[in-house]
Amino acid sequence: MAAGAAEAAVAVVEVGSAGQFEELLRLRAKSLLVVHFWAPWAPQCAQMNGVMAELAKEHPQASFVKLEAEAVPEVSEKYEISSVPTFLFFKNSQKIDRLDGAHAPELTKKVQRHASSGSFSPSGREHPKEDLSLRLKKLTHAAPCMLFMKGTPQEPRCGFSKQMVEILNKHNIQFSSFDIFSDEEVRQGLKTYSNWPTYPQLYVSGELIGGLDIIKELEASKELDTICPKAPKLEERLKVLTNKASVMLFMKGNKQEAKCGFSRQILEILNSTGIEYETFDILEDEEVRQGLKAYSNWPTYPQLYVKGELVGGLDIVKELKENGELLPILKGEN
């Protein structure tokens, strides 16, 4: 029995139903459970299944599961899986972390961190203080307005971070964020670097503005709008994006890695034409994803634009190719 349990622990278990998934959550509650939402049509998923198998050998105390996202839609919808591969991390039957995309180093790092219950071994993670200081300087300067928070703007993981995001969004402030839960070194180091003991922390041009209380004061005194950079109006932004290249494709994923079957098919058609084109990953920007549907009056993705004008989605592009009209349109001749 013990040998069988050890064998099961190092295998990647395949889950085929919502009931089986819930049962696994209950049975493996005491250990780390890593779930790979995958699709058979996506080559990057096959690659990440290999990574999962290796991680399962290295971390026998954790459980590794793969679940075909489109075959078990009730689970995918419950956890808002909109692309593959996506990885969810569970402990005590609760989701504790998420990773979107085929990022093997990041997956390995997250598994190592969660499998060790948040205890960070100094060996291998300890960098010279100068290195950390330089890294923090780069991070605080990564965007004109940087928010260091618990979680992400889409999924804040504490009330203070949630309030901060709400204030910034209300004032149409353009900001990037860093999830301090994703890197313990940054989480601890930034407190010393900024001489500020709590989170969230907001930086403008690399300078600390403060935490939630300070931001609330700045909002009350009407100073916040003058300190933080404003986001361009959505319609202006969409106009710029659709005209960014002569041929622009808005899709799930990018040229190198499509994250849905329709996007993959339209890439194959465009690549066969030999025409240069640019892509925009709508999964990276929820505002663009929702806004472009209204802007173009087209409810689905992918969407193809030529010189800022909507051509259509996959079905229309297929028809144009069959009729021999696609190439002249892409060249701007029609």
Protein backbone atom coordinates (compact mmCIF):
# COMPACT_ATOMS: atom_id res chain seq x y z
CA MET A 1 0.00 0.00 0.00
CA ALA A 2 2.77 2.42 0.98
CA ALA A 3 4.69 1.70 -2.23
CA GLY A 4 1.55 2.27 -4.31
CA ALA A 5 0.89 5.59 -2.55
CA ALA A 6 4.45 6.72 -3.24
CA GLU A 7 4.05 5.77 -6.90
CA ALA A 8 0.77 7.70 -7.19
CA ALA A 9 2.34 10.73 -5.59
CA VAL A 10 4.96 11.08 -8.35
CA ALA A 11 2.50 10.60 -11.23
CA VAL A 12 0.48 13.34 -12.90
CA VAL A 13 -3.17 12.37 -12.36
CA GLU A 14 -5.66 13.01 -15.18
CA VAL A 15 -9.07 14.31 -14.06
CA GLY A 16 -12.09 13.80 -16.32
CA SER A 17 -15.04 15.20 -14.37
CA ALA A 18 -16.03 17.93 -11.91
CA GLY A 19 -16.89 15.27 -9.29
CA GLN A 20 -13.46 13.69 -9.59
CA PHE A 21 -11.84 17.13 -9.27
CA GLU A 22 -13.80 17.99 -6.09
CA GLU A 23 -12.91 14.59 -4.63
CA LEU A 24 -9.21 15.20 -5.33
CA LEU A 25 -9.40 18.63 -3.68
CA ARG A 26 -10.81 16.96 -0.57
CA LEU A 27 -8.38 14.00 -0.54
CA ARG A 28 -5.26 16.10 -1.17
CA ALA A 29 -6.25 18.98 1.12
CA LYS A 30 -3.20 18.54 3.38
CA SER A 31 -0.65 18.85 0.56
CA LEU A 32 0.00 21.22 -2.32
CA LEU A 33 -2.20 20.42 -5.35
CA VAL A 34 -1.09 21.79 -8.75
CA VAL A 35 -3.69 21.65 -11.54
CA HIS A 36 -2.80 22.10 -15.22
CA PHE A 37 -5.75 23.21 -17.38
CA TRP A 38 -4.71 22.07 -20.86
CA ALA A 39 -5.99 21.35 -24.38
CA PRO A 40 -4.84 18.60 -26.77
CA TRP A 41 -4.61 21.05 -29.72
CA ALA A 42 -2.09 23.34 -27.98
CA PRO A 43 1.56 22.19 -28.39
CA GLN A 44 2.67 24.36 -25.47
CA CYS A 45 0.41 22.27 -23.19
CA ALA A 46 2.17 19.05 -24.20
CA GLN A 47 5.47 20.72 -23.33
CA MET A 48 4.17 21.83 -19.93
CA ASN A 49 2.79 18.33 -19.23
CA GLY A 50 6.42 17.18 -19.50
CA VAL A 51 7.48 19.89 -17.05
CA MET A 52 4.71 18.79 -14.66
CA ALA A 53 5.94 15.17 -14.83
CA GLU A 54 9.46 16.27 -13.88
CA LEU A 55 8.18 18.46 -11.03
CA ALA A 56 6.11 15.52 -9.75
CA LYS A 57 9.32 13.48 -9.44
CA GLU A 58 11.12 16.30 -7.65
CA HIS A 59 8.23 17.05 -5.25
CA PRO A 60 6.67 13.73 -4.20
CA GLN A 61 4.96 15.46 -1.27
CA ALA A 62 2.85 17.54 -3.71
CA SER A 63 0.08 16.31 -6.04
CA PHE A 64 0.00 17.14 -9.75
CA VAL A 65 -3.15 16.99 -11.86
CA LYS A 66 -4.00 17.70 -15.49
CA LEU A 67 -7.53 18.62 -16.53
CA GLU A 68 -8.66 19.15 -20.14
CA ALA A 69 -10.20 22.63 -19.91
CA GLU A 70 -12.81 22.23 -22.67
CA ALA A 71 -13.82 18.71 -21.54
CA VAL A 72 -14.71 19.80 -17.99
CA PRO A 73 -16.25 23.27 -18.61
CA GLU A 74 -17.94 23.56 -15.19
CA VAL A 75 -14.53 23.52 -13.45
CA SER A 76 -12.94 25.82 -16.07
CA GLU A 77 -15.76 28.36 -15.71
CA LYS A 78 -15.73 28.22 -11.91
CA TYR A 79 -12.04 29.20 -11.87
CA GLU A 80 -12.30 31.60 -14.87
CA ILE A 81 -9.96 29.66 -17.16
CA SER A 82 -9.97 31.61 -20.43
CA SER A 83 -6.77 30.26 -22.01
CA VAL A 84 -4.43 27.30 -21.93
CA PRO A 85 -2.12 26.41 -20.37
CA THR A 86 -3.25 27.77 -16.99
CA PHE A 87 -2.04 26.42 -13.64
CA LEU A 88 -3.90 26.70 -10.33
CA PHE A 89 -2.36 25.97 -6.94
CA PHE A 90 -4.48 24.67 -4.04
CA LYS A 91 -3.85 24.11 -0.34
CA ASN A 92 -6.51 23.10 2.20
CA SER A 93 -8.98 22.92 -0.72
CA GLN A 94 -8.47 26.68 -1.33
CA LYS A 95 -6.91 28.30 -4.41
CA ILE A 96 -3.72 30.05 -3.30
CA ASP A 97 -2.07 30.99 -6.59
CA ARG A 98 -2.39 31.02 -10.37
CA LEU A 99 -0.09 31.05 -13.39
CA ASP A 100 -1.28 31.80 -16.94
CA GLY A 101 0.85 30.69 -19.89
CA ALA A 102 3.67 28.25 -20.67
CA HIS A 103 6.32 29.65 -18.30
CA ALA A 104 8.32 26.63 -17.10
CA PRO A 105 10.78 28.61 -14.89
CA GLU A 106 7.92 30.48 -13.18
CA LEU A 107 5.94 27.26 -12.67
CA THR A 108 9.00 25.60 -11.12
CA LYS A 109 9.55 28.60 -8.85
CA LYS A 110 5.93 28.66 -7.67
CA VAL A 111 5.88 24.90 -7.00
CA GLN A 112 9.12 25.15 -5.00
CA ARG A 113 7.77 28.06 -2.98
CA HIS A 114 4.35 26.57 -2.18
CA ALA A 115 5.66 23.05 -1.62
CA SER A 116 7.94 24.40 1.10
CA SER A 117 4.93 26.03 2.83
CA GLY A 118 6.30 29.50 2.35
CA SER A 119 9.60 28.78 4.07
CA PHE A 120 12.42 30.13 1.96
CA SER A 121 15.74 28.41 2.21
CA PRO A 122 18.55 30.95 2.11
CA SER A 123 20.72 28.75 -0.12
CA GLY A 124 20.18 29.50 -3.78
CA ARG A 125 17.85 32.47 -3.09
CA GLU A 126 20.27 34.76 -1.34
CA HIS A 127 21.57 37.48 -3.62
CA PRO A 128 24.10 40.14 -2.67
CA LYS A 129 22.33 43.21 -1.24
CA GLU A 130 23.53 45.31 -4.19
CA ASP A 131 21.80 42.93 -6.62
CA LEU A 132 18.49 43.15 -4.75
CA SER A 133 18.76 46.92 -4.49
CA LEU A 134 19.36 47.20 -8.24
CA ARG A 135 16.43 44.86 -8.93
CA LEU A 136 14.10 46.90 -6.70
CA LYS A 137 15.20 50.09 -8.43
CA LYS A 138 14.35 48.53 -11.83
CA LEU A 139 10.97 47.28 -10.54
CA THR A 140 9.95 50.63 -9.04
CA HIS A 141 10.89 52.26 -12.38
CA ALA A 142 9.22 49.52 -14.51
CA ALA A 143 6.29 51.84 -15.35
CA PRO A 144 5.59 55.55 -14.73
CA CYS A 145 3.14 54.46 -12.00
CA MET A 146 3.90 51.16 -10.19
CA LEU A 147 1.71 49.51 -7.54
CA PHE A 148 3.18 46.83 -5.30
CA MET A 149 0.21 44.92 -3.95
CA LYS A 150 -1.08 41.60 -2.66
CA GLY A 151 -2.50 39.83 -5.70
CA THR A 152 -3.31 41.46 -9.03
CA PRO A 153 -5.65 44.31 -10.06
CA GLN A 154 -8.07 41.66 -11.40
CA GLU A 155 -7.78 39.52 -8.25
CA PRO A 156 -6.62 41.53 -5.20
CA ARG A 157 -5.79 39.36 -2.20
CA CYS A 158 -6.31 41.86 0.61
CA GLY A 159 -8.82 44.60 1.34
CA PHE A 160 -6.24 47.43 1.30
CA SER A 161 -4.92 46.38 -2.13
CA LYS A 162 -8.51 46.13 -3.43
CA GLN A 163 -9.30 49.67 -2.21
CA MET A 164 -6.10 51.04 -3.78
CA VAL A 165 -6.94 49.51 -7.18
CA GLU A 166 -10.50 50.90 -6.97
CA ILE A 167 -9.20 54.44 -6.28
CA LEU A 168 -6.67 54.31 -9.15
CA ASN A 169 -9.28 52.95 -11.58
CA LYS A 170 -11.86 55.53 -10.46
CA HIS A 171 -9.40 58.30 -11.35
CA ASN A 172 -8.50 56.64 -14.69
CA ILE A 173 -4.85 56.38 -13.58
CA GLN A 174 -2.59 54.26 -15.77
CA PHE A 175 -0.53 51.89 -13.63
CA SER A 176 1.32 48.59 -13.67
CA SER A 177 1.44 46.26 -10.70
CA PHE A 178 3.66 43.68 -8.99
CA ASP A 179 2.24 40.87 -6.86
CA ILE A 180 4.42 40.73 -3.75
CA PHE A 181 3.12 37.22 -3.01
CA SER A 182 4.94 36.06 -6.17
CA ASP A 183 8.39 36.95 -4.78
CA GLU A 184 9.26 36.84 -1.08
CA GLU A 185 12.63 38.51 -1.67
CA VAL A 186 10.93 41.58 -3.20
CA ARG A 187 8.21 41.53 -0.53
CA GLN A 188 10.72 41.79 2.34
CA GLY A 189 13.38 43.81 0.50
CA LEU A 190 11.08 46.63 -0.62
CA LYS A 191 10.08 47.38 2.99
CA THR A 192 13.72 48.25 3.76
CA TYR A 193 14.40 49.86 0.36
CA SER A 194 11.47 52.26 0.75
CA ASN A 195 11.51 52.43 4.55
CA TRP A 196 7.78 51.62 4.43
CA PRO A 197 6.66 48.55 6.41
CA THR A 198 3.29 47.70 4.83
CA TYR A 199 1.54 47.04 1.52
CA PRO A 200 0.21 48.23 -0.88
CA GLN A 201 2.89 50.76 -1.93
CA LEU A 202 2.49 53.18 -4.86
CA TYR A 203 5.46 54.61 -6.79
CA VAL A 204 5.51 57.35 -9.44
CA SER A 205 8.67 57.71 -11.55
CA GLY A 206 10.45 55.39 -9.10
CA GLU A 207 9.60 57.53 -6.05
CA LEU A 208 7.42 56.19 -3.23
CA ILE A 209 4.14 58.12 -2.89
CA GLY A 210 2.86 55.99 -0.01
CA GLY A 211 0.28 53.43 1.05
CA LEU A 212 -3.51 53.44 1.06
CA ASP A 213 -3.95 56.15 3.73
CA ILE A 214 -1.68 58.59 1.85
CA ILE A 215 -3.48 57.88 -1.44
CA LYS A 216 -6.85 58.51 0.26
CA GLU A 217 -5.51 61.86 1.59
CA LEU A 218 -4.23 62.81 -1.88
CA GLU A 219 -7.60 61.89 -3.36
CA ALA A 220 -9.44 64.02 -0.79
CA SER A 221 -7.15 67.01 -1.43
CA LYS A 222 -7.53 66.60 -5.25
CA GLU A 223 -3.75 66.16 -5.60
CA LEU A 224 -3.86 62.54 -6.80
CA ASP A 225 -4.82 63.51 -10.37
CA THR A 226 -1.83 65.82 -10.67
CA ILE A 227 0.69 63.29 -9.30
CA CYS A 228 -0.28 60.12 -11.21
CA PRO A 229 -0.26 59.66 -15.01
CA LYS A 230 -3.69 59.40 -16.61
CA ALA A 231 -4.68 56.52 -18.86
CA PRO A 232 -5.71 57.60 -22.37
CA LYS A 233 -9.44 57.48 -23.05
CA LEU A 234 -10.36 53.94 -24.12
CA GLU A 235 -11.69 54.93 -27.55
CA GLU A 236 -8.50 56.87 -28.35
CA ARG A 237 -6.43 53.92 -27.16
CA LEU A 238 -8.36 51.44 -29.33
CA LYS A 239 -7.98 53.70 -32.36
CA VAL A 240 -4.21 53.82 -31.81
CA LEU A 241 -4.02 50.03 -31.26
CA THR A 242 -6.06 49.11 -34.35
CA ASN A 243 -3.78 51.40 -36.42
CA LYS A 244 -0.54 50.23 -34.77
CA ALA A 245 0.38 48.21 -37.88
CA SER A 246 -1.08 48.02 -41.38
CA VAL A 247 -2.40 44.55 -40.49
CA MET A 248 -3.36 44.04 -36.81
CA LEU A 249 -4.72 40.84 -35.27
CA PHE A 250 -6.42 40.90 -31.85
CA MET A 251 -6.26 37.34 -30.52
CA LYS A 252 -5.89 35.07 -27.51
CA GLY A 253 -2.12 34.66 -27.22
CA ASN A 254 0.47 35.94 -29.68
CA LYS A 255 2.26 35.01 -32.92
CA GLN A 256 4.47 32.52 -31.10
CA GLU A 257 1.79 30.96 -28.88
CA ALA A 258 -1.92 30.91 -29.71
CA LYS A 259 -4.12 30.27 -26.67
CA CYS A 260 -7.31 29.14 -28.42
CA GLY A 261 -8.08 27.04 -31.50
CA PHE A 262 -9.67 29.92 -33.49
CA SER A 263 -6.63 32.17 -32.92
CA ARG A 264 -4.31 29.32 -33.96
CA GLN A 265 -6.26 28.81 -37.23
CA ILE A 266 -6.21 32.50 -38.18
CA LEU A 267 -2.44 32.65 -37.49
CA GLU A 268 -1.92 29.73 -39.90
CA ILE A 269 -3.92 31.53 -42.61
CA LEU A 270 -2.05 34.84 -42.14
CA ASN A 271 1.35 33.10 -42.06
CA SER A 272 0.51 31.36 -45.35
CA THR A 273 0.06 34.77 -47.07
CA GLY A 274 3.58 36.00 -46.27
CA ILE A 275 2.16 39.42 -45.28
CA GLU A 276 3.70 41.20 -42.29
CA TYR A 277 1.32 41.66 -39.36
CA GLU A 278 1.29 42.49 -35.66
CA THR A 279 -0.73 40.87 -32.86
CA PHE A 280 -2.28 42.03 -29.59
CA ASP A 281 -3.01 39.51 -26.82
CA ILE A 282 -6.47 40.38 -25.45
CA LEU A 283 -5.91 38.08 -22.45
CA GLU A 284 -3.27 40.55 -21.23
CA ASP A 285 -5.66 43.53 -21.10
CA GLU A 286 -9.27 43.11 -19.95
CA GLU A 287 -10.15 46.72 -20.80
CA VAL A 288 -9.14 46.23 -24.45
CA ARG A 289 -10.77 42.79 -24.54
CA GLN A 290 -14.18 44.14 -23.53
CA GLY A 291 -13.86 47.61 -25.11
CA LEU A 292 -12.94 46.41 -28.60
CA LYS A 293 -16.16 44.34 -28.82
CA ALA A 294 -18.22 47.55 -28.51
CA TYR A 295 -15.78 49.66 -30.58
CA SER A 296 -15.96 47.24 -33.53
CA ASN A 297 -19.49 45.97 -32.87
CA TRP A 298 -18.02 42.45 -33.12
CA PRO A 299 -18.61 40.17 -30.11
CA THR A 300 -15.91 37.49 -30.52
CA TYR A 301 -12.18 36.97 -31.04
CA PRO A 302 -9.95 36.82 -33.03
CA GLN A 303 -10.54 40.13 -34.88
CA LEU A 304 -8.48 41.20 -37.91
CA TYR A 305 -7.95 44.87 -38.87
CA VAL A 306 -6.36 46.38 -41.97
CA LYS A 307 -5.39 50.08 -41.79
CA GLY A 308 -7.60 50.47 -38.70
CA GLU A 309 -10.69 48.96 -40.34
CA LEU A 310 -12.25 45.71 -39.12
CA VAL A 311 -12.09 42.90 -41.70
CA GLY A 312 -13.76 40.32 -39.44
CA GLY A 313 -13.17 37.10 -37.52
CA LEU A 314 -12.01 33.63 -38.48
CA ASP A 315 -15.05 32.68 -40.63
CA ILE A 316 -14.80 35.83 -42.74
CA VAL A 317 -11.03 35.44 -43.16
CA LYS A 318 -11.57 31.82 -44.28
CA GLU A 319 -14.19 32.95 -46.85
CA LEU A 320 -11.91 35.71 -48.17
CA LYS A 321 -9.07 33.23 -48.56
CA GLU A 322 -11.28 30.75 -50.44
CA ASN A 323 -12.52 33.55 -52.75
CA GLY A 324 -8.99 34.78 -53.43
CA GLU A 325 -9.81 38.17 -51.90
CA LEU A 326 -7.70 37.97 -48.73
CA LEU A 327 -4.30 38.90 -50.17
CA PRO A 328 -5.51 42.09 -51.96
CA ILE A 329 -7.31 43.17 -48.74
CA LEU A 330 -4.21 42.56 -46.59
CA LYS A 331 -2.13 44.54 -49.09
CA GLY A 332 -4.63 47.40 -48.81
CA GLU A 333 -5.61 47.11 -52.48
CA ASN A 334 -9.31 46.58 -51.71
